[in-house]
Amino acid sequence: MNPNQDPKAFYAKLKEQLLDTSTWPSEYLYKFIVLTDATKIKQIEDVFDNLGAVINTKASSNGKYTSVSIDVQMKNPDAVIGKYQEIAEKVEGVISL
């Protein structure tokens, strides 16, 4: 999400796109970028704990940033959006892709 964008408008558009492009429940792939910091990465992983998520991390070439990809079964677009909001609240400086 663009930092200058209205979160309500962004999530409303995302929900509409998810409803149009997927049947629910469905697999969903989250992608986040954070500064390489074990605490931040753990905070992201903890949001998806006990959901059966497959989590992969990859450090950037210079090691400054880490991408975190999470593949998980979600029940509906509201659940997808809820996780994005939870990450935004708990992990400072995270970039959602």
Protein backbone atom coordinates (compact mmCIF):
# COMPACT_ATOMS: atom_id res chain seq x y z
CA MET A 1 0.00 0.00 0.00
CA ASN A 2 1.24 3.46 -0.89
CA PRO A 3 1.85 5.47 2.32
CA ASN A 4 -0.05 8.44 0.82
CA GLN A 5 -3.08 6.30 -0.04
CA ASP A 6 -6.24 6.21 2.05
CA PRO A 7 -6.26 2.81 3.80
CA LYS A 8 -10.07 2.47 3.62
CA ALA A 9 -10.08 3.05 -0.14
CA PHE A 10 -7.13 0.71 -0.63
CA TYR A 11 -8.73 -2.14 1.33
CA ALA A 12 -12.14 -1.62 -0.31
CA LYS A 13 -10.52 -1.93 -3.75
CA LEU A 14 -8.50 -4.97 -2.64
CA LYS A 15 -11.65 -6.68 -1.33
CA GLU A 16 -13.43 -6.07 -4.62
CA GLN A 17 -10.49 -7.48 -6.57
CA LEU A 18 -10.28 -10.56 -4.34
CA LEU A 19 -14.00 -11.23 -4.73
CA ASP A 20 -13.72 -10.91 -8.52
CA THR A 21 -10.63 -13.07 -8.99
CA SER A 22 -10.91 -15.94 -6.49
CA THR A 23 -13.35 -18.44 -5.08
CA TRP A 24 -13.24 -18.67 -1.31
CA PRO A 25 -11.75 -20.28 0.72
CA SER A 26 -8.58 -19.88 -1.32
CA GLU A 27 -4.79 -19.96 -1.14
CA TYR A 28 -3.37 -16.46 -0.80
CA LEU A 29 0.24 -15.31 -1.14
CA TYR A 30 1.31 -12.43 1.09
CA LYS A 31 4.58 -10.63 0.40
CA PHE A 32 6.26 -8.24 2.79
CA ILE A 33 9.60 -6.45 2.89
CA VAL A 34 11.24 -5.39 6.16
CA LEU A 35 14.65 -4.28 7.31
CA THR A 36 16.65 -7.40 8.11
CA ASP A 37 15.83 -7.71 11.79
CA ALA A 38 15.01 -11.05 13.42
CA THR A 39 12.41 -9.38 15.68
CA LYS A 40 10.48 -7.88 12.75
CA ILE A 41 10.57 -11.13 10.81
CA LYS A 42 9.33 -13.04 13.87
CA GLN A 43 6.50 -10.52 14.36
CA ILE A 44 5.30 -11.24 10.81
CA GLU A 45 5.62 -15.00 11.26
CA ASP A 46 3.69 -14.85 14.55
CA VAL A 47 0.66 -13.26 12.84
CA PHE A 48 0.35 -16.42 10.73
CA ASP A 49 1.14 -18.90 13.52
CA ASN A 50 -1.19 -21.92 13.71
CA LEU A 51 -2.70 -21.28 10.25
CA GLY A 52 -0.66 -23.89 8.39
CA ALA A 53 1.17 -21.16 6.47
CA VAL A 54 4.25 -21.85 4.39
CA ILE A 55 6.70 -19.02 5.13
CA ASN A 56 9.81 -18.25 3.10
CA THR A 57 12.34 -15.51 3.74
CA LYS A 58 15.05 -14.16 1.46
CA ALA A 59 17.63 -11.50 2.26
CA SER A 60 18.37 -8.83 -0.32
CA SER A 61 21.73 -8.94 -2.10
CA ASN A 62 23.23 -6.44 0.34
CA GLY A 63 21.47 -8.01 3.34
CA LYS A 64 19.76 -4.79 4.39
CA TYR A 65 16.22 -6.00 3.67
CA THR A 66 14.42 -9.32 3.89
CA SER A 67 11.41 -10.39 1.87
CA VAL A 68 8.89 -12.57 3.65
CA SER A 69 6.48 -14.61 1.52
CA ILE A 70 3.58 -16.38 3.18
CA ASP A 71 1.36 -18.87 1.37
CA VAL A 72 -1.72 -19.65 3.40
CA GLN A 73 -5.32 -20.83 3.02
CA MET A 74 -7.69 -17.95 3.82
CA LYS A 75 -11.45 -18.23 4.23
CA ASN A 76 -12.50 -14.94 2.61
CA PRO A 77 -11.29 -11.47 1.50
CA ASP A 78 -12.06 -9.99 4.93
CA ALA A 79 -9.66 -12.49 6.53
CA VAL A 80 -6.97 -11.56 3.97
CA ILE A 81 -7.41 -7.86 4.70
CA GLY A 82 -7.47 -8.48 8.45
CA LYS A 83 -3.98 -10.01 8.28
CA TYR A 84 -2.65 -7.03 6.28
CA GLN A 85 -4.07 -4.68 8.91
CA GLU A 86 -2.65 -6.75 11.76
CA ILE A 87 0.82 -6.72 10.17
CA ALA A 88 0.63 -2.95 9.60
CA GLU A 89 -0.24 -2.41 13.28
CA LYS A 90 2.39 -4.76 14.73
CA VAL A 91 5.43 -4.40 12.46
CA GLU A 92 6.95 -0.95 12.15
CA GLY A 93 8.29 -0.04 8.71
CA VAL A 94 6.87 -3.07 6.89
CA ILE A 95 6.14 -2.76 3.18
CA SER A 96 3.24 -4.85 1.86
CA LEU A 97 3.40 -5.91 -1.77
